[in-house]
């Protein structure tokens, strides 16, 4: 269904927010998806990302679904 670009997963200067534009039947919708770090391991995220140097021990880095 969905795959990440390699650059999006491991690039050092990765953005903190992903903006997606969806065009459907002549309507454009924009979505902003925050990328979060230092979230407790017991919080469920559908799309976990590799740990970053700034991610604390026992925490995860993921895309937050709002």
PDB file of N, CA and C in Angstrom:
ATOM      1  N   UNK A   1       0.812  -1.184   0.000  1.00  0.00           N
ATOM      2  CA  UNK A   1       0.000   0.000   0.000  1.00  0.00           C
ATOM      3  C   UNK A   1       0.864   1.260   0.000  1.00  0.00           C
ATOM      4  N   UNK A   2       1.881   1.284   0.839  1.00  0.00           N
ATOM      5  CA  UNK A   2       2.631   2.511   1.069  1.00  0.00           C
ATOM      6  C   UNK A   2       4.074   2.143   1.315  1.00  0.00           C
ATOM      7  N   UNK A   3       4.972   2.806   0.646  1.00  0.00           N
ATOM      8  CA  UNK A   3       6.384   2.551   0.916  1.00  0.00           C
ATOM      9  C   UNK A   3       7.114   3.884   1.048  1.00  0.00           C
ATOM     10  N   UNK A   4       8.105   3.891   1.898  1.00  0.00           N
ATOM     11  CA  UNK A   4       8.879   5.102   2.132  1.00  0.00           C
ATOM     12  C   UNK A   4      10.030   5.179   1.154  1.00  0.00           C
ATOM     13  N   UNK A   5      10.336   6.370   0.739  1.00  0.00           N
ATOM     14  CA  UNK A   5      11.529   6.629  -0.030  1.00  0.00           C
ATOM     15  C   UNK A   5      12.717   6.444   0.916  1.00  0.00           C
ATOM     16  N   UNK A   6      13.784   5.811   0.445  1.00  0.00           N
ATOM     17  CA  UNK A   6      14.956   5.571   1.289  1.00  0.00           C
ATOM     18  C   UNK A   6      15.471   6.873   1.906  1.00  0.00           C
ATOM     19  N   UNK A   7      15.474   7.939   1.129  1.00  0.00           N
ATOM     20  CA  UNK A   7      15.955   9.229   1.628  1.00  0.00           C
ATOM     21  C   UNK A   7      15.089   9.732   2.781  1.00  0.00           C
ATOM     22  N   UNK A   8      13.803   9.453   2.734  1.00  0.00           N
ATOM     23  CA  UNK A   8      12.889   9.903   3.788  1.00  0.00           C
ATOM     24  C   UNK A   8      13.169   9.167   5.097  1.00  0.00           C
ATOM     25  N   UNK A   9      13.596   7.905   5.019  1.00  0.00           N
ATOM     26  CA  UNK A   9      13.819   7.114   6.228  1.00  0.00           C
ATOM     27  C   UNK A   9      15.132   7.423   6.923  1.00  0.00           C
ATOM     28  N   UNK A  10      16.187   7.683   6.165  1.00  0.00           N
ATOM     29  CA  UNK A  10      17.496   7.755   6.811  1.00  0.00           C
ATOM     30  C   UNK A  10      18.260   9.062   6.590  1.00  0.00           C
ATOM     31  N   UNK A  11      17.698   9.999   5.884  1.00  0.00           N
ATOM     32  CA  UNK A  11      18.409  11.253   5.642  1.00  0.00           C
ATOM     33  C   UNK A  11      18.518  12.057   6.933  1.00  0.00           C
ATOM     34  N   UNK A  12      19.700  12.618   7.204  1.00  0.00           N
ATOM     35  CA  UNK A  12      19.938  13.343   8.454  1.00  0.00           C
ATOM     36  C   UNK A  12      19.088  14.596   8.606  1.00  0.00           C
ATOM     37  N   UNK A  13      18.851  15.305   7.517  1.00  0.00           N
ATOM     38  CA  UNK A  13      18.070  16.540   7.638  1.00  0.00           C
ATOM     39  C   UNK A  13      16.609  16.321   7.213  1.00  0.00           C
ATOM     40  N   UNK A  14      16.059  15.216   7.662  1.00  0.00           N
ATOM     41  CA  UNK A  14      14.670  14.853   7.364  1.00  0.00           C
ATOM     42  C   UNK A  14      13.722  15.920   7.916  1.00  0.00           C
ATOM     43  N   UNK A  15      12.618  16.221   7.205  1.00  0.00           N
ATOM     44  CA  UNK A  15      11.676  17.230   7.695  1.00  0.00           C
ATOM     45  C   UNK A  15      10.906  16.734   8.917  1.00  0.00           C
ATOM     46  N   UNK A  16      10.334  17.657   9.665  1.00  0.00           N
ATOM     47  CA  UNK A  16       9.518  17.305  10.826  1.00  0.00           C
ATOM     48  C   UNK A  16       8.060  17.126  10.447  1.00  0.00           C
ATOM     49  N   UNK A  17       7.725  17.450   9.199  1.00  0.00           N
ATOM     50  CA  UNK A  17       6.343  17.397   8.746  1.00  0.00           C
ATOM     51  C   UNK A  17       6.326  16.989   7.280  1.00  0.00           C
ATOM     52  N   UNK A  18       5.432  16.090   6.918  1.00  0.00           N
ATOM     53  CA  UNK A  18       5.257  15.689   5.529  1.00  0.00           C
ATOM     54  C   UNK A  18       3.923  16.263   5.064  1.00  0.00           C
ATOM     55  N   UNK A  19       3.937  16.998   3.963  1.00  0.00           N
ATOM     56  CA  UNK A  19       2.706  17.567   3.411  1.00  0.00           C
ATOM     57  C   UNK A  19       2.360  16.793   2.145  1.00  0.00           C
ATOM     58  N   UNK A  20       1.133  16.291   2.093  1.00  0.00           N
ATOM     59  CA  UNK A  20       0.664  15.508   0.954  1.00  0.00           C
ATOM     60  C   UNK A  20      -0.493  16.252   0.311  1.00  0.00           C
ATOM     61  N   UNK A  21      -0.435  16.396  -1.013  1.00  0.00           N
ATOM     62  CA  UNK A  21      -1.545  16.988  -1.759  1.00  0.00           C
ATOM     63  C   UNK A  21      -2.254  15.866  -2.503  1.00  0.00           C
ATOM     64  N   UNK A  22      -3.550  15.768  -2.314  1.00  0.00           N
ATOM     65  CA  UNK A  22      -4.355  14.732  -2.946  1.00  0.00           C
ATOM     66  C   UNK A  22      -5.339  15.399  -3.899  1.00  0.00           C
ATOM     67  N   UNK A  23      -5.261  15.032  -5.178  1.00  0.00           N
ATOM     68  CA  UNK A  23      -6.198  15.544  -6.175  1.00  0.00           C
ATOM     69  C   UNK A  23      -7.216  14.458  -6.486  1.00  0.00           C
ATOM     70  N   UNK A  24      -8.492  14.773  -6.306  1.00  0.00           N
ATOM     71  CA  UNK A  24      -9.558  13.808  -6.570  1.00  0.00           C
ATOM     72  C   UNK A  24     -10.783  14.550  -7.080  1.00  0.00           C
ATOM     73  N   UNK A  25     -11.204  14.221  -8.278  1.00  0.00           N
ATOM     74  CA  UNK A  25     -12.386  14.831  -8.904  1.00  0.00           C
ATOM     75  C   UNK A  25     -12.338  16.360  -8.851  1.00  0.00           C
ATOM     76  N   UNK A  26     -11.235  16.908  -9.327  1.00  0.00           N
ATOM     77  CA  UNK A  26     -11.023  18.363  -9.391  1.00  0.00           C
ATOM     78  C   UNK A  26     -11.006  19.058  -8.034  1.00  0.00           C
ATOM     79  N   UNK A  27     -10.840  18.326  -6.977  1.00  0.00           N
ATOM     80  CA  UNK A  27     -10.666  18.902  -5.638  1.00  0.00           C
ATOM     81  C   UNK A  27      -9.262  18.579  -5.155  1.00  0.00           C
ATOM     82  N   UNK A  28      -8.608  19.547  -4.565  1.00  0.00           N
ATOM     83  CA  UNK A  28      -7.285  19.325  -3.993  1.00  0.00           C
ATOM     84  C   UNK A  28      -7.388  19.418  -2.479  1.00  0.00           C
ATOM     85  N   UNK A  29      -6.924  18.374  -1.817  1.00  0.00           N
ATOM     86  CA  UNK A  29      -6.885  18.352  -0.359  1.00  0.00           C
ATOM     87  C   UNK A  29      -5.426  18.272   0.068  1.00  0.00           C
ATOM     88  N   UNK A  30      -5.069  19.020   1.091  1.00  0.00           N
ATOM     89  CA  UNK A  30      -3.715  18.975   1.627  1.00  0.00           C
ATOM     90  C   UNK A  30      -3.746  18.372   3.021  1.00  0.00           C
ATOM     91  N   UNK A  31      -2.816  17.462   3.273  1.00  0.00           N
ATOM     92  CA  UNK A  31      -2.703  16.810   4.568  1.00  0.00           C
ATOM     93  C   UNK A  31      -1.306  17.057   5.110  1.00  0.00           C
ATOM     94  N   UNK A  32      -1.208  17.317   6.387  1.00  0.00           N
ATOM     95  CA  UNK A  32       0.082  17.474   7.054  1.00  0.00           C
ATOM     96  C   UNK A  32       0.230  16.332   8.048  1.00  0.00           C
ATOM     97  N   UNK A  33       1.313  15.572   7.907  1.00  0.00           N
ATOM     98  CA  UNK A  33       1.552  14.422   8.772  1.00  0.00           C
ATOM     99  C   UNK A  33       2.819  14.684   9.578  1.00  0.00           C
ATOM    100  N   UNK A  34       2.702  14.809  10.897  1.00  0.00           N
ATOM    101  CA  UNK A  34       3.888  15.082  11.712  1.00  0.00           C
ATOM    102  C   UNK A  34       4.746  13.835  11.932  1.00  0.00           C
ATOM    103  N   UNK A  35       6.052  14.033  11.906  1.00  0.00           N
ATOM    104  CA  UNK A  35       7.001  12.981  12.257  1.00  0.00           C
ATOM    105  C   UNK A  35       7.444  13.285  13.680  1.00  0.00           C
ATOM    106  N   UNK A  36       7.269  12.330  14.573  1.00  0.00           N
ATOM    107  CA  UNK A  36       7.562  12.576  15.981  1.00  0.00           C
ATOM    108  C   UNK A  36       8.695  11.684  16.465  1.00  0.00           C
ATOM    109  N   UNK A  37       9.405  12.161  17.470  1.00  0.00           N
ATOM    110  CA  UNK A  37      10.497  11.415  18.067  1.00  0.00           C
ATOM    111  C   UNK A  37      10.330  11.452  19.577  1.00  0.00           C
ATOM    112  N   UNK A  38      11.029  10.570  20.245  1.00  0.00           N
ATOM    113  CA  UNK A  38      11.006  10.484  21.703  1.00  0.00           C
ATOM    114  C   UNK A  38       9.600  10.234  22.249  1.00  0.00           C
ATOM    115  N   UNK A  39       8.948   9.232  21.680  1.00  0.00           N
ATOM    116  CA  UNK A  39       7.632   8.803  22.128  1.00  0.00           C
ATOM    117  C   UNK A  39       7.819   7.479  22.855  1.00  0.00           C
ATOM    118  N   UNK A  40       7.151   7.308  23.974  1.00  0.00           N
ATOM    119  CA  UNK A  40       7.283   6.063  24.740  1.00  0.00           C
ATOM    120  C   UNK A  40       7.038   4.849  23.852  1.00  0.00           C
ATOM    121  N   UNK A  41       7.769   3.795  24.089  1.00  0.00           N
ATOM    122  CA  UNK A  41       7.711   2.589  23.278  1.00  0.00           C
ATOM    123  C   UNK A  41       6.328   1.933  23.287  1.00  0.00           C
ATOM    124  N   UNK A  42       5.536   2.119  24.349  1.00  0.00           N
ATOM    125  CA  UNK A  42       4.240   1.451  24.438  1.00  0.00           C
ATOM    126  C   UNK A  42       3.140   2.147  23.631  1.00  0.00           C
ATOM    127  N   UNK A  43       3.409   3.321  23.050  1.00  0.00           N
ATOM    128  CA  UNK A  43       2.438   4.006  22.192  1.00  0.00           C
ATOM    129  C   UNK A  43       2.485   3.345  20.822  1.00  0.00           C
ATOM    130  N   UNK A  44       1.313   3.023  20.264  1.00  0.00           N
ATOM    131  CA  UNK A  44       1.277   2.329  18.973  1.00  0.00           C
ATOM    132  C   UNK A  44       1.296   3.318  17.811  1.00  0.00           C
ATOM    133  N   UNK A  45       2.191   3.066  16.879  1.00  0.00           N
ATOM    134  CA  UNK A  45       2.270   3.831  15.645  1.00  0.00           C
ATOM    135  C   UNK A  45       2.256   2.846  14.498  1.00  0.00           C
ATOM    136  N   UNK A  46       1.555   3.193  13.433  1.00  0.00           N
ATOM    137  CA  UNK A  46       1.482   2.303  12.284  1.00  0.00           C
ATOM    138  C   UNK A  46       2.796   2.303  11.502  1.00  0.00           C
ATOM    139  N   UNK A  47       3.457   3.456  11.417  1.00  0.00           N
ATOM    140  CA  UNK A  47       4.677   3.571  10.627  1.00  0.00           C
ATOM    141  C   UNK A  47       5.836   4.013  11.512  1.00  0.00           C
ATOM    142  N   UNK A  48       6.571   3.059  12.044  1.00  0.00           N
ATOM    143  CA  UNK A  48       7.749   3.396  12.844  1.00  0.00           C
ATOM    144  C   UNK A  48       8.923   3.652  11.913  1.00  0.00           C
ATOM    145  N   UNK A  49       9.784   4.553  12.322  1.00  0.00           N
ATOM    146  CA  UNK A  49      10.966   4.915  11.548  1.00  0.00           C
ATOM    147  C   UNK A  49      12.217   4.479  12.292  1.00  0.00           C
ATOM    148  N   UNK A  50      13.353   4.391  11.586  1.00  0.00           N
ATOM    149  CA  UNK A  50      14.605   4.063  12.277  1.00  0.00           C
ATOM    150  C   UNK A  50      14.921   5.127  13.324  1.00  0.00           C
ATOM    151  N   UNK A  51      15.572   4.709  14.399  1.00  0.00           N
ATOM    152  CA  UNK A  51      15.943   5.663  15.452  1.00  0.00           C
ATOM    153  C   UNK A  51      16.907   6.695  14.906  1.00  0.00           C
ATOM    154  N   UNK A  52      16.777   7.903  15.423  1.00  0.00           N
ATOM    155  CA  UNK A  52      17.678   8.990  15.079  1.00  0.00           C
ATOM    156  C   UNK A  52      18.646   9.194  16.240  1.00  0.00           C
ATOM    157  N   UNK A  53      19.749   9.893  16.014  1.00  0.00           N
ATOM    158  CA  UNK A  53      20.674  10.158  17.114  1.00  0.00           C
ATOM    159  C   UNK A  53      20.008  10.905  18.270  1.00  0.00           C
ATOM    160  N   UNK A  54      18.970  11.681  17.970  1.00  0.00           N
ATOM    161  CA  UNK A  54      18.287  12.451  19.011  1.00  0.00           C
ATOM    162  C   UNK A  54      17.219  11.646  19.754  1.00  0.00           C
ATOM    163  N   UNK A  55      16.929  10.413  19.292  1.00  0.00           N
ATOM    164  CA  UNK A  55      15.919   9.587  19.952  1.00  0.00           C
ATOM    165  C   UNK A  55      16.510   8.991  21.222  1.00  0.00           C
ATOM    166  N   UNK A  56      15.835   9.207  22.336  1.00  0.00           N
ATOM    167  CA  UNK A  56      16.329   8.735  23.627  1.00  0.00           C
ATOM    168  C   UNK A  56      16.165   7.224  23.768  1.00  0.00           C
ATOM    169  N   UNK A  57      16.955   6.629  24.651  1.00  0.00           N
ATOM    170  CA  UNK A  57      16.887   5.191  24.900  1.00  0.00           C
ATOM    171  C   UNK A  57      15.503   4.831  25.468  1.00  0.00           C
ATOM    172  N   UNK A  58      14.882   3.791  24.908  1.00  0.00           N
ATOM    173  CA  UNK A  58      13.561   3.370  25.355  1.00  0.00           C
ATOM    174  C   UNK A  58      12.414   4.089  24.665  1.00  0.00           C
ATOM    175  N   UNK A  59      12.726   4.962  23.715  1.00  0.00           N
ATOM    176  CA  UNK A  59      11.717   5.712  22.979  1.00  0.00           C
ATOM    177  C   UNK A  59      11.760   5.322  21.504  1.00  0.00           C
ATOM    178  N   UNK A  60      10.757   5.740  20.735  1.00  0.00           N
ATOM    179  CA  UNK A  60      10.707   5.426  19.309  1.00  0.00           C
ATOM    180  C   UNK A  60      10.564   6.707  18.493  1.00  0.00           C
ATOM    181  N   UNK A  61      10.778   6.558  17.197  1.00  0.00           N
ATOM    182  CA  UNK A  61      10.653   7.638  16.218  1.00  0.00           C
ATOM    183  C   UNK A  61       9.631   7.137  15.205  1.00  0.00           C
ATOM    184  N   UNK A  62       8.578   7.905  14.898  1.00  0.00           N
ATOM    185  CA  UNK A  62       7.510   7.392  14.044  1.00  0.00           C
ATOM    186  C   UNK A  62       6.750   8.511  13.353  1.00  0.00           C
ATOM    187  N   UNK A  63       5.887   8.095  12.421  1.00  0.00           N
ATOM    188  CA  UNK A  63       4.952   9.027  11.800  1.00  0.00           C
ATOM    189  C   UNK A  63       3.682   8.973  12.608  1.00  0.00           C
ATOM    190  N   UNK A  64       3.211  10.120  13.033  1.00  0.00           N
ATOM    191  CA  UNK A  64       2.019  10.205  13.871  1.00  0.00           C
ATOM    192  C   UNK A  64       0.783  10.324  12.993  1.00  0.00           C
ATOM    193  N   UNK A  65      -0.191   9.475  13.218  1.00  0.00           N
ATOM    194  CA  UNK A  65      -1.454   9.609  12.484  1.00  0.00           C
ATOM    195  C   UNK A  65      -2.414  10.402  13.352  1.00  0.00           C
ATOM    196  N   UNK A  66      -2.894  11.499  12.819  1.00  0.00           N
ATOM    197  CA  UNK A  66      -3.748  12.404  13.583  1.00  0.00           C
ATOM    198  C   UNK A  66      -5.195  12.154  13.234  1.00  0.00           C
TER     199      UNK A  66
END
